[in-house]
N, C-alpha and C. Protein backbone atom coordinates (compact mmCIF):
# COMPACT_ATOMS: atom_id res chain seq x y z
N MET A 1 110.68 92.69 63.13
CA MET A 1 110.84 90.90 63.70
C MET A 1 112.27 91.16 64.55
N LYS A 2 113.07 91.35 63.80
CA LYS A 2 114.58 90.96 64.75
C LYS A 2 114.51 91.61 65.96
N SER A 3 113.91 92.88 66.23
CA SER A 3 113.98 93.72 67.50
C SER A 3 112.89 92.98 68.65
N ARG A 4 112.08 92.13 68.05
CA ARG A 4 111.11 91.53 69.02
C ARG A 4 111.59 90.13 69.65
N ALA A 5 112.67 89.44 68.92
CA ALA A 5 113.43 88.82 69.10
C ALA A 5 114.53 88.88 70.04
N ARG A 6 115.24 90.03 69.93
CA ARG A 6 116.15 90.71 70.58
C ARG A 6 115.82 90.89 72.24
N LEU A 7 114.51 91.06 72.21
CA LEU A 7 113.74 91.61 73.65
C LEU A 7 113.23 90.61 74.38
N CYS A 8 113.21 89.44 73.57
CA CYS A 8 112.79 88.11 74.18
C CYS A 8 113.98 87.40 74.82
N ASN A 9 115.04 87.89 74.09
CA ASN A 9 116.27 86.87 74.43
C ASN A 9 116.98 87.91 75.87
N CYS A 10 116.41 88.92 76.04
CA CYS A 10 116.95 89.28 77.20
C CYS A 10 117.55 88.54 78.23
N SER A 11 118.06 88.67 79.29
CA SER A 11 118.29 87.97 80.19
C SER A 11 117.14 88.68 81.49
N GLY A 12 117.10 87.60 82.10
CA GLY A 12 116.12 87.85 83.60
C GLY A 12 116.64 88.87 84.22
N SER A 13 117.59 89.43 84.65
CA SER A 13 118.50 90.45 85.49
C SER A 13 118.46 91.46 84.87
N ALA A 14 119.02 91.61 83.35
CA ALA A 14 118.43 92.81 82.68
C ALA A 14 117.32 93.39 82.79
N LEU A 15 116.21 92.68 82.59
CA LEU A 15 114.74 93.05 82.45
C LEU A 15 114.27 93.57 83.86
N LEU A 16 114.58 92.87 84.84
CA LEU A 16 114.31 93.38 86.41
C LEU A 16 114.91 94.75 86.65
N THR A 17 116.33 94.17 86.20
CA THR A 17 116.66 96.12 86.24
C THR A 17 116.25 96.90 85.73
N LEU A 18 115.62 97.08 84.17
CA LEU A 18 114.98 98.02 83.46
C LEU A 18 113.29 97.96 84.18
N CYS A 19 113.18 97.22 84.72
CA CYS A 19 111.71 97.21 85.46
C CYS A 19 111.61 98.29 86.64
N VAL A 20 112.70 97.91 87.73
CA VAL A 20 113.39 98.58 88.83
C VAL A 20 113.39 100.30 88.41
N ILE A 21 114.06 100.60 87.17
CA ILE A 21 114.66 101.60 86.84
C ILE A 21 113.23 102.64 86.27
N VAL A 22 112.65 101.95 85.73
CA VAL A 22 110.62 102.41 85.18
C VAL A 22 109.88 102.73 86.76
N ALA A 23 110.01 101.75 87.50
CA ALA A 23 109.47 102.02 88.70
C ALA A 23 110.08 102.91 89.85
N ALA A 24 111.27 103.23 89.66
CA ALA A 24 111.95 104.39 90.35
C ALA A 24 111.41 105.49 89.94
N GLY A 25 111.35 105.58 88.44
CA GLY A 25 111.37 106.84 87.73
C GLY A 25 109.68 107.34 88.24
N ALA A 26 108.78 106.31 88.07
CA ALA A 26 107.58 106.52 88.05
C ALA A 26 107.05 107.29 89.97
N ALA A 27 107.91 106.45 90.51
CA ALA A 27 107.81 106.95 92.27
C ALA A 27 108.15 108.08 92.33
N ALA A 28 109.43 108.83 91.80
CA ALA A 28 109.74 110.17 91.83
C ALA A 28 108.85 111.14 91.36
N GLY A 29 107.76 110.63 90.62
CA GLY A 29 107.04 112.04 90.35
C GLY A 29 105.65 111.37 91.24
N CYS A 30 105.62 110.85 92.05
CA CYS A 30 104.32 110.67 92.82
C CYS A 30 104.52 111.66 94.29
N THR A 31 103.68 112.36 94.59
CA THR A 31 103.75 113.22 95.75
C THR A 31 103.48 112.76 97.18
N GLY A 32 102.65 111.80 97.26
CA GLY A 32 102.35 110.51 98.31
C GLY A 32 101.65 111.86 99.28
N LYS A 33 100.83 111.09 100.23
CA LYS A 33 100.22 111.90 100.85
C LYS A 33 100.93 112.36 102.29
N PRO A 34 100.62 113.62 102.86
CA PRO A 34 100.88 114.49 104.21
C PRO A 34 101.07 113.53 104.67
N PHE A 35 102.20 113.33 105.87
CA PHE A 35 101.89 112.39 106.95
C PHE A 35 102.87 113.46 108.03
N LEU A 36 102.45 113.04 109.47
CA LEU A 36 102.57 114.06 110.49
C LEU A 36 104.21 113.65 111.09
N SER A 37 105.29 114.68 110.68
CA SER A 37 106.76 114.21 111.04
C SER A 37 107.09 114.44 112.29
N ASN A 38 106.42 115.27 113.31
CA ASN A 38 107.06 115.23 114.78
C ASN A 38 105.68 116.23 115.11
N GLY A 39 105.37 116.31 116.20
CA GLY A 39 104.51 116.95 117.07
C GLY A 39 104.13 116.87 118.45
N ASP A 40 103.10 117.74 119.47
CA ASP A 40 102.73 117.70 120.51
C ASP A 40 101.75 118.45 120.76
N ALA A 41 101.44 118.30 121.77
CA ALA A 41 99.76 119.39 122.50
C ALA A 41 100.19 120.56 121.58
N ASN A 42 101.16 121.23 121.59
CA ASN A 42 101.78 122.45 121.12
C ASN A 42 101.99 122.91 119.35
N SER A 43 102.44 121.82 119.07
CA SER A 43 102.58 122.10 117.62
C SER A 43 102.46 120.78 116.51
N ALA A 44 102.67 120.72 115.54
CA ALA A 44 102.65 120.36 114.20
C ALA A 44 103.70 120.58 113.60
N GLU A 45 104.24 119.42 112.95
CA GLU A 45 105.19 119.56 111.58
C GLU A 45 104.65 118.00 110.81
N VAL A 46 104.57 118.72 109.77
CA VAL A 46 103.80 118.09 108.96
C VAL A 46 104.41 117.88 107.34
N GLY A 47 104.92 116.78 107.20
CA GLY A 47 105.52 116.69 105.95
C GLY A 47 104.93 116.69 104.35
N TYR A 48 105.05 117.08 103.29
CA TYR A 48 104.41 116.54 102.38
C TYR A 48 104.73 116.86 101.04
N GLY A 49 104.20 116.58 99.78
CA GLY A 49 104.84 116.39 98.57
C GLY A 49 104.05 117.46 97.78
N GLY A 50 104.97 117.92 96.95
CA GLY A 50 104.63 118.90 96.02
C GLY A 50 104.52 120.56 96.48
N ASN A 51 104.08 121.17 96.20
CA ASN A 51 104.26 122.84 96.27
C ASN A 51 103.56 123.56 97.22
N ASP A 52 102.00 123.25 97.35
CA ASP A 52 101.05 123.78 98.49
C ASP A 52 101.33 122.90 99.71
N PRO A 53 101.52 123.80 100.63
CA PRO A 53 101.73 123.42 102.24
C PRO A 53 99.89 123.31 102.37
N ALA A 54 98.99 123.67 102.02
CA ALA A 54 97.46 123.53 102.16
C ALA A 54 97.19 122.27 102.37
N VAL A 55 97.91 120.99 101.60
CA VAL A 55 97.49 120.07 101.38
C VAL A 55 97.67 119.05 103.13
N ALA A 56 98.58 119.81 103.70
CA ALA A 56 99.02 119.30 105.22
C ALA A 56 97.88 119.88 106.25
N ILE A 57 97.01 120.44 105.85
CA ILE A 57 96.29 121.20 107.21
C ILE A 57 95.38 120.18 107.50
N ALA A 58 94.87 118.95 107.08
CA ALA A 58 93.85 117.94 107.41
C ALA A 58 94.57 117.07 108.49
N VAL A 59 96.18 116.62 108.23
CA VAL A 59 96.86 115.81 109.08
C VAL A 59 97.00 116.72 110.41
N ALA A 60 97.28 118.01 110.02
CA ALA A 60 97.57 119.00 111.16
C ALA A 60 96.14 119.05 112.16
N LYS A 61 94.79 119.11 111.94
CA LYS A 61 93.67 119.37 112.20
C LYS A 61 93.79 117.86 112.95
N GLU A 62 93.70 116.67 112.53
CA GLU A 62 93.71 115.70 113.19
C GLU A 62 94.65 115.53 114.24
N HIS A 63 95.91 115.56 114.32
CA HIS A 63 97.13 115.74 115.33
C HIS A 63 96.37 116.77 116.66
N CYS A 64 95.93 118.16 116.36
CA CYS A 64 96.12 118.73 116.98
C CYS A 64 94.41 118.56 117.69
N ALA A 65 93.46 117.99 116.93
CA ALA A 65 92.36 117.64 117.62
C ALA A 65 92.22 116.62 118.48
N ARG A 66 93.66 115.78 118.91
CA ARG A 66 93.91 114.93 119.75
C ARG A 66 94.05 115.54 121.19
N PHE A 67 94.18 116.81 121.30
CA PHE A 67 94.76 117.69 122.20
C PHE A 67 93.29 119.02 122.77
N GLU A 68 92.47 118.68 121.66
CA GLU A 68 91.08 119.67 121.78
C GLU A 68 91.61 121.12 121.21
N ARG A 69 92.47 121.00 120.39
CA ARG A 69 93.44 122.08 119.93
C ARG A 69 93.01 122.29 118.42
N VAL A 70 93.08 123.68 118.11
CA VAL A 70 93.12 123.32 116.31
C VAL A 70 94.24 124.27 115.77
N PRO A 71 94.88 123.74 114.54
CA PRO A 71 95.84 124.21 114.08
C PRO A 71 95.95 125.85 113.43
N ARG A 72 97.08 126.40 113.73
CA ARG A 72 97.38 127.47 112.91
C ARG A 72 98.68 127.62 112.46
N PHE A 73 98.52 127.68 110.81
CA PHE A 73 99.67 127.62 110.06
C PHE A 73 100.83 128.67 110.46
N LEU A 74 102.24 128.23 110.36
CA LEU A 74 103.02 129.67 111.25
C LEU A 74 103.87 129.41 109.67
N ASN A 75 104.53 128.37 109.14
CA ASN A 75 105.28 128.37 107.71
C ASN A 75 105.80 127.06 107.20
N ALA A 76 106.35 127.41 106.04
CA ALA A 76 106.22 126.14 105.42
C ALA A 76 108.15 126.01 105.04
N GLN A 77 108.65 125.00 104.96
CA GLN A 77 110.29 125.00 104.78
C GLN A 77 110.34 123.33 103.75
N GLU A 78 111.20 123.41 102.59
CA GLU A 78 111.42 122.10 102.42
C GLU A 78 110.30 121.24 102.69
N ASN A 79 109.03 121.19 102.02
CA ASN A 79 108.18 120.32 102.15
C ASN A 79 107.89 120.03 103.65
N VAL A 80 108.17 120.91 104.83
CA VAL A 80 107.48 120.36 106.01
C VAL A 80 106.70 121.85 106.17
N ALA A 81 105.34 121.48 106.65
CA ALA A 81 104.67 122.66 107.23
C ALA A 81 104.45 122.82 108.48
N TYR A 82 104.76 123.87 109.45
CA TYR A 82 104.65 124.13 110.62
C TYR A 82 103.60 124.68 110.61
N PHE A 83 102.75 124.14 112.03
CA PHE A 83 101.65 124.68 112.60
C PHE A 83 101.92 124.68 114.19
N ALA A 84 100.93 125.57 114.57
CA ALA A 84 100.90 125.72 116.20
C ALA A 84 99.71 125.28 116.63
N CYS A 85 99.35 124.22 117.48
CA CYS A 85 98.21 123.69 118.19
C CYS A 85 97.33 124.87 119.32
N GLU A 86 96.30 125.57 119.06
CA GLU A 86 96.05 126.58 119.67
C GLU A 86 94.75 126.04 120.25
N ASN A 87 94.71 126.66 121.38
CA ASN A 87 92.84 126.77 121.80
C ASN A 87 91.68 127.37 121.02
N PRO A 88 90.81 126.57 120.94
CA PRO A 88 89.91 127.04 119.82
C PRO A 88 89.33 128.15 120.21
């Protein structure tokens, strides 16, 4: 019973700090959606989370399609996948 009473007596700022720490920890585990970080008619750089650059292909396809082209995977480094946009 005492521990429950102590939790209720926490200040608002201490409780807010605890919530921020828990939320930040949960967000760090999220991979997020792939996104176009840079690109033009000839290339696409797609940022992604996790260990699989294959998740970036959909973003690259959408980007290259704007120029009536298709993506070809080149390589991946540090959560960025690099694609060439080529004629079909």
